[in-house]
N, C-alpha and C. Protein backbone atom coordinates (compact mmCIF):
# COMPACT_ATOMS: atom_id res chain seq x y z
N MET A 1 -17.76 35.16 -37.33
CA MET A 1 -16.83 34.46 -38.20
C MET A 1 -15.46 34.44 -37.53
N GLN A 2 -14.84 33.28 -37.58
CA GLN A 2 -13.49 33.11 -37.04
C GLN A 2 -12.50 33.13 -38.20
N THR A 3 -11.35 33.74 -37.97
CA THR A 3 -10.29 33.80 -38.98
C THR A 3 -9.01 33.20 -38.42
N LEU A 4 -8.38 32.38 -39.23
CA LEU A 4 -7.08 31.80 -38.88
C LEU A 4 -6.08 32.27 -39.93
N SER A 5 -4.95 32.80 -39.49
CA SER A 5 -3.88 33.19 -40.40
C SER A 5 -2.77 32.15 -40.31
N ILE A 6 -2.42 31.60 -41.44
CA ILE A 6 -1.33 30.63 -41.48
C ILE A 6 -0.08 31.37 -41.88
N GLU A 7 0.98 31.20 -41.09
CA GLU A 7 2.25 31.86 -41.36
C GLU A 7 3.34 30.82 -41.58
N GLY A 8 4.23 31.10 -42.51
CA GLY A 8 5.36 30.21 -42.75
C GLY A 8 5.01 29.11 -43.73
N GLU A 9 5.55 27.94 -43.48
CA GLU A 9 5.42 26.82 -44.40
C GLU A 9 4.09 26.09 -44.26
N LEU A 10 3.56 25.69 -45.40
CA LEU A 10 2.44 24.76 -45.46
C LEU A 10 2.92 23.68 -46.42
N THR A 11 3.79 22.82 -45.88
CA THR A 11 4.51 21.83 -46.69
C THR A 11 4.49 20.47 -46.00
N ILE A 12 5.12 19.51 -46.64
CA ILE A 12 5.20 18.18 -46.07
C ILE A 12 5.91 18.18 -44.71
N VAL A 13 6.82 19.12 -44.53
CA VAL A 13 7.57 19.23 -43.28
C VAL A 13 6.64 19.61 -42.11
N THR A 14 5.66 20.45 -42.39
CA THR A 14 4.76 20.94 -41.34
C THR A 14 3.36 20.33 -41.41
N ALA A 15 3.15 19.37 -42.29
CA ALA A 15 1.81 18.85 -42.56
C ALA A 15 1.12 18.30 -41.31
N THR A 16 1.80 17.51 -40.51
CA THR A 16 1.17 16.91 -39.34
C THR A 16 0.72 17.98 -38.35
N GLU A 17 1.59 18.92 -38.09
CA GLU A 17 1.27 20.02 -37.16
C GLU A 17 0.13 20.89 -37.71
N GLN A 18 0.22 21.23 -38.99
CA GLN A 18 -0.80 22.08 -39.59
C GLN A 18 -2.15 21.37 -39.68
N LYS A 19 -2.14 20.07 -39.93
CA LYS A 19 -3.39 19.31 -40.02
C LYS A 19 -4.14 19.39 -38.70
N ALA A 20 -3.44 19.19 -37.60
CA ALA A 20 -4.08 19.26 -36.28
C ALA A 20 -4.64 20.66 -36.03
N LEU A 21 -3.88 21.69 -36.38
CA LEU A 21 -4.32 23.07 -36.21
C LEU A 21 -5.57 23.36 -37.04
N LEU A 22 -5.57 22.94 -38.29
CA LEU A 22 -6.69 23.21 -39.18
C LEU A 22 -7.95 22.46 -38.74
N LEU A 23 -7.81 21.21 -38.35
CA LEU A 23 -8.97 20.44 -37.90
C LEU A 23 -9.55 21.02 -36.61
N ALA A 24 -8.70 21.47 -35.71
CA ALA A 24 -9.18 22.11 -34.48
C ALA A 24 -9.89 23.42 -34.80
N PHE A 25 -9.39 24.14 -35.79
CA PHE A 25 -10.01 25.40 -36.20
C PHE A 25 -11.44 25.19 -36.67
N LEU A 26 -11.71 24.05 -37.29
CA LEU A 26 -13.06 23.75 -37.77
C LEU A 26 -14.10 23.77 -36.64
N ASP A 27 -13.68 23.48 -35.43
CA ASP A 27 -14.61 23.42 -34.30
C ASP A 27 -14.89 24.78 -33.68
N THR A 28 -14.31 25.85 -34.20
CA THR A 28 -14.43 27.15 -33.54
C THR A 28 -15.68 27.94 -33.94
N ASP A 29 -16.26 27.65 -35.11
CA ASP A 29 -17.42 28.42 -35.56
C ASP A 29 -18.03 27.71 -36.77
N ASP A 30 -19.18 28.21 -37.21
CA ASP A 30 -19.81 27.67 -38.42
C ASP A 30 -19.41 28.43 -39.67
N GLU A 31 -18.87 29.62 -39.49
CA GLU A 31 -18.39 30.43 -40.59
C GLU A 31 -16.91 30.74 -40.35
N LEU A 32 -16.07 30.24 -41.26
CA LEU A 32 -14.62 30.29 -41.05
C LEU A 32 -13.90 30.88 -42.25
N GLU A 33 -12.75 31.46 -41.95
CA GLU A 33 -11.92 32.05 -42.99
C GLU A 33 -10.46 31.74 -42.67
N ILE A 34 -9.72 31.31 -43.68
CA ILE A 34 -8.29 31.06 -43.50
C ILE A 34 -7.52 32.01 -44.39
N ASN A 35 -6.71 32.85 -43.76
CA ASN A 35 -5.89 33.84 -44.45
C ASN A 35 -4.56 33.18 -44.83
N LEU A 36 -4.28 33.16 -46.12
CA LEU A 36 -3.07 32.50 -46.63
C LEU A 36 -1.99 33.50 -47.05
N SER A 37 -2.12 34.76 -46.67
CA SER A 37 -1.20 35.79 -47.15
C SER A 37 0.23 35.63 -46.65
N LYS A 38 0.41 34.97 -45.53
CA LYS A 38 1.76 34.83 -44.96
C LYS A 38 2.34 33.43 -45.14
N VAL A 39 1.75 32.65 -46.05
CA VAL A 39 2.31 31.33 -46.37
C VAL A 39 3.52 31.56 -47.27
N SER A 40 4.70 31.17 -46.76
CA SER A 40 5.94 31.44 -47.49
C SER A 40 6.41 30.27 -48.35
N GLU A 41 5.99 29.06 -47.99
CA GLU A 41 6.31 27.87 -48.78
C GLU A 41 5.07 27.00 -48.82
N PHE A 42 4.80 26.42 -49.98
CA PHE A 42 3.58 25.65 -50.18
C PHE A 42 3.87 24.56 -51.20
N ASP A 43 3.50 23.33 -50.87
CA ASP A 43 3.72 22.23 -51.79
C ASP A 43 2.45 21.39 -51.89
N THR A 44 2.55 20.23 -52.53
CA THR A 44 1.35 19.41 -52.72
C THR A 44 0.80 18.87 -51.40
N ALA A 45 1.64 18.70 -50.41
CA ALA A 45 1.13 18.30 -49.09
C ALA A 45 0.28 19.42 -48.49
N GLY A 46 0.70 20.65 -48.67
CA GLY A 46 -0.08 21.79 -48.23
C GLY A 46 -1.39 21.88 -48.99
N LEU A 47 -1.34 21.62 -50.29
CA LEU A 47 -2.54 21.61 -51.11
C LEU A 47 -3.51 20.54 -50.62
N GLN A 48 -2.99 19.37 -50.31
CA GLN A 48 -3.85 18.29 -49.80
C GLN A 48 -4.52 18.70 -48.49
N LEU A 49 -3.81 19.44 -47.65
CA LEU A 49 -4.41 19.91 -46.40
C LEU A 49 -5.55 20.89 -46.66
N LEU A 50 -5.38 21.78 -47.63
CA LEU A 50 -6.46 22.71 -47.95
C LEU A 50 -7.67 21.98 -48.50
N ILE A 51 -7.43 20.98 -49.34
CA ILE A 51 -8.52 20.17 -49.87
C ILE A 51 -9.23 19.43 -48.74
N LEU A 52 -8.45 18.85 -47.84
CA LEU A 52 -9.01 18.13 -46.70
C LEU A 52 -9.88 19.03 -45.84
N ILE A 53 -9.37 20.18 -45.47
CA ILE A 53 -10.10 21.07 -44.56
C ILE A 53 -11.36 21.61 -45.23
N LYS A 54 -11.29 21.89 -46.53
CA LYS A 54 -12.47 22.36 -47.26
C LYS A 54 -13.53 21.26 -47.30
N ARG A 55 -13.10 20.03 -47.55
CA ARG A 55 -14.04 18.91 -47.60
C ARG A 55 -14.67 18.65 -46.23
N GLU A 56 -13.86 18.68 -45.18
CA GLU A 56 -14.38 18.47 -43.82
C GLU A 56 -15.38 19.56 -43.44
N ALA A 57 -15.09 20.78 -43.81
CA ALA A 57 -16.02 21.88 -43.53
C ALA A 57 -17.36 21.64 -44.23
N ALA A 58 -17.29 21.26 -45.49
CA ALA A 58 -18.52 21.01 -46.26
C ALA A 58 -19.32 19.86 -45.66
N GLN A 59 -18.63 18.81 -45.24
CA GLN A 59 -19.33 17.65 -44.67
C GLN A 59 -20.01 17.96 -43.35
N THR A 60 -19.51 18.95 -42.64
CA THR A 60 -20.11 19.31 -41.36
C THR A 60 -21.01 20.54 -41.47
N GLY A 61 -21.28 20.98 -42.70
CA GLY A 61 -22.19 22.09 -42.93
C GLY A 61 -21.64 23.46 -42.58
N LYS A 62 -20.32 23.58 -42.56
CA LYS A 62 -19.69 24.86 -42.22
C LYS A 62 -19.26 25.59 -43.49
N THR A 63 -19.20 26.89 -43.40
CA THR A 63 -18.71 27.71 -44.50
C THR A 63 -17.25 28.02 -44.24
N LEU A 64 -16.40 27.70 -45.20
CA LEU A 64 -14.96 27.95 -45.07
C LEU A 64 -14.48 28.63 -46.34
N ARG A 65 -13.80 29.76 -46.15
CA ARG A 65 -13.22 30.50 -47.27
C ARG A 65 -11.72 30.64 -47.06
N PHE A 66 -10.98 30.53 -48.17
CA PHE A 66 -9.56 30.85 -48.17
C PHE A 66 -9.43 32.25 -48.75
N VAL A 67 -8.67 33.11 -48.07
CA VAL A 67 -8.55 34.50 -48.51
C VAL A 67 -7.08 34.93 -48.53
N MET A 68 -6.83 35.99 -49.27
CA MET A 68 -5.51 36.63 -49.32
C MET A 68 -4.39 35.64 -49.64
N HIS A 69 -4.56 34.89 -50.71
CA HIS A 69 -3.59 33.89 -51.13
C HIS A 69 -2.22 34.51 -51.39
N SER A 70 -1.18 33.94 -50.81
CA SER A 70 0.17 34.41 -51.12
C SER A 70 0.54 33.96 -52.53
N LYS A 71 1.60 34.54 -53.06
CA LYS A 71 2.03 34.19 -54.41
C LYS A 71 2.38 32.71 -54.53
N VAL A 72 3.03 32.14 -53.52
CA VAL A 72 3.42 30.72 -53.61
C VAL A 72 2.18 29.82 -53.62
N VAL A 73 1.16 30.19 -52.87
CA VAL A 73 -0.08 29.41 -52.88
C VAL A 73 -0.75 29.53 -54.24
N LEU A 74 -0.85 30.74 -54.72
CA LEU A 74 -1.48 30.96 -56.02
C LEU A 74 -0.73 30.24 -57.14
N ASP A 75 0.59 30.21 -57.07
CA ASP A 75 1.39 29.51 -58.09
C ASP A 75 1.03 28.03 -58.16
N ILE A 76 0.91 27.38 -57.00
CA ILE A 76 0.56 25.95 -56.98
C ILE A 76 -0.88 25.75 -57.44
N LEU A 77 -1.78 26.62 -57.00
CA LEU A 77 -3.18 26.49 -57.45
C LEU A 77 -3.28 26.64 -58.97
N GLU A 78 -2.51 27.57 -59.53
CA GLU A 78 -2.52 27.75 -60.98
C GLU A 78 -1.89 26.56 -61.69
N LEU A 79 -0.78 26.06 -61.15
CA LEU A 79 -0.09 24.91 -61.74
C LEU A 79 -0.99 23.68 -61.78
N THR A 80 -1.77 23.50 -60.74
CA THR A 80 -2.66 22.33 -60.66
C THR A 80 -4.05 22.61 -61.21
N ARG A 81 -4.25 23.83 -61.70
CA ARG A 81 -5.53 24.27 -62.26
C ARG A 81 -6.67 24.16 -61.24
N LEU A 82 -6.35 24.48 -60.00
CA LEU A 82 -7.34 24.45 -58.92
C LEU A 82 -7.68 25.84 -58.39
N THR A 83 -7.30 26.86 -59.13
CA THR A 83 -7.51 28.23 -58.66
C THR A 83 -8.96 28.49 -58.29
N THR A 84 -9.89 28.01 -59.08
CA THR A 84 -11.31 28.26 -58.79
C THR A 84 -12.02 27.04 -58.20
N ALA A 85 -11.32 25.94 -58.02
CA ALA A 85 -11.95 24.70 -57.55
C ALA A 85 -12.56 24.82 -56.16
N PHE A 86 -12.00 25.67 -55.30
CA PHE A 86 -12.52 25.81 -53.95
C PHE A 86 -13.72 26.74 -53.88
N GLY A 87 -13.98 27.46 -54.96
CA GLY A 87 -15.11 28.38 -54.97
C GLY A 87 -14.85 29.67 -54.22
N ASP A 88 -13.59 29.96 -53.92
CA ASP A 88 -13.24 31.17 -53.19
C ASP A 88 -12.68 32.21 -54.16
N GLN A 89 -12.96 33.46 -53.87
CA GLN A 89 -12.36 34.54 -54.65
C GLN A 89 -10.88 34.57 -54.36
N VAL A 90 -10.06 34.61 -55.38
CA VAL A 90 -8.61 34.65 -55.19
C VAL A 90 -8.18 36.11 -55.15
N VAL A 91 -7.65 36.52 -54.03
CA VAL A 91 -7.18 37.89 -53.83
C VAL A 91 -5.77 37.82 -53.30
N LEU A 92 -4.85 38.47 -53.98
CA LEU A 92 -3.46 38.51 -53.54
C LEU A 92 -3.27 39.59 -52.49
N GLU A 93 -2.31 39.36 -51.62
CA GLU A 93 -1.91 40.38 -50.66
C GLU A 93 -1.37 41.58 -51.43
N SER A 94 -1.64 42.77 -50.96
CA SER A 94 -1.14 43.99 -51.59
C SER A 94 0.38 44.03 -51.54
N PRO A 95 1.03 44.43 -52.63
CA PRO A 95 2.48 44.58 -52.58
C PRO A 95 2.85 45.73 -51.64
N ARG A 96 3.97 45.59 -50.99
CA ARG A 96 4.41 46.62 -50.04
C ARG A 96 5.54 47.41 -50.57
């Protein structure tokens, strides 16, 4: 299993760069995990990227899980009522 950790913004400002990174990550293995614990800013463009990458993984027969959702990611997922839509267990990063 390959794991990718996203750090910083997952927003409209970084969408083009992040899209290329996420799509390239899909080619690394058949079982994938994206760690969202270090996402500091997240908006609907970031949400669209997660939906896109999850859909692309499913279409190519790959398993993709989102793990360790940061608070900002969880806030948007809750606001849009998509917390369980991806089928991933939602686990917050431990407070420090």
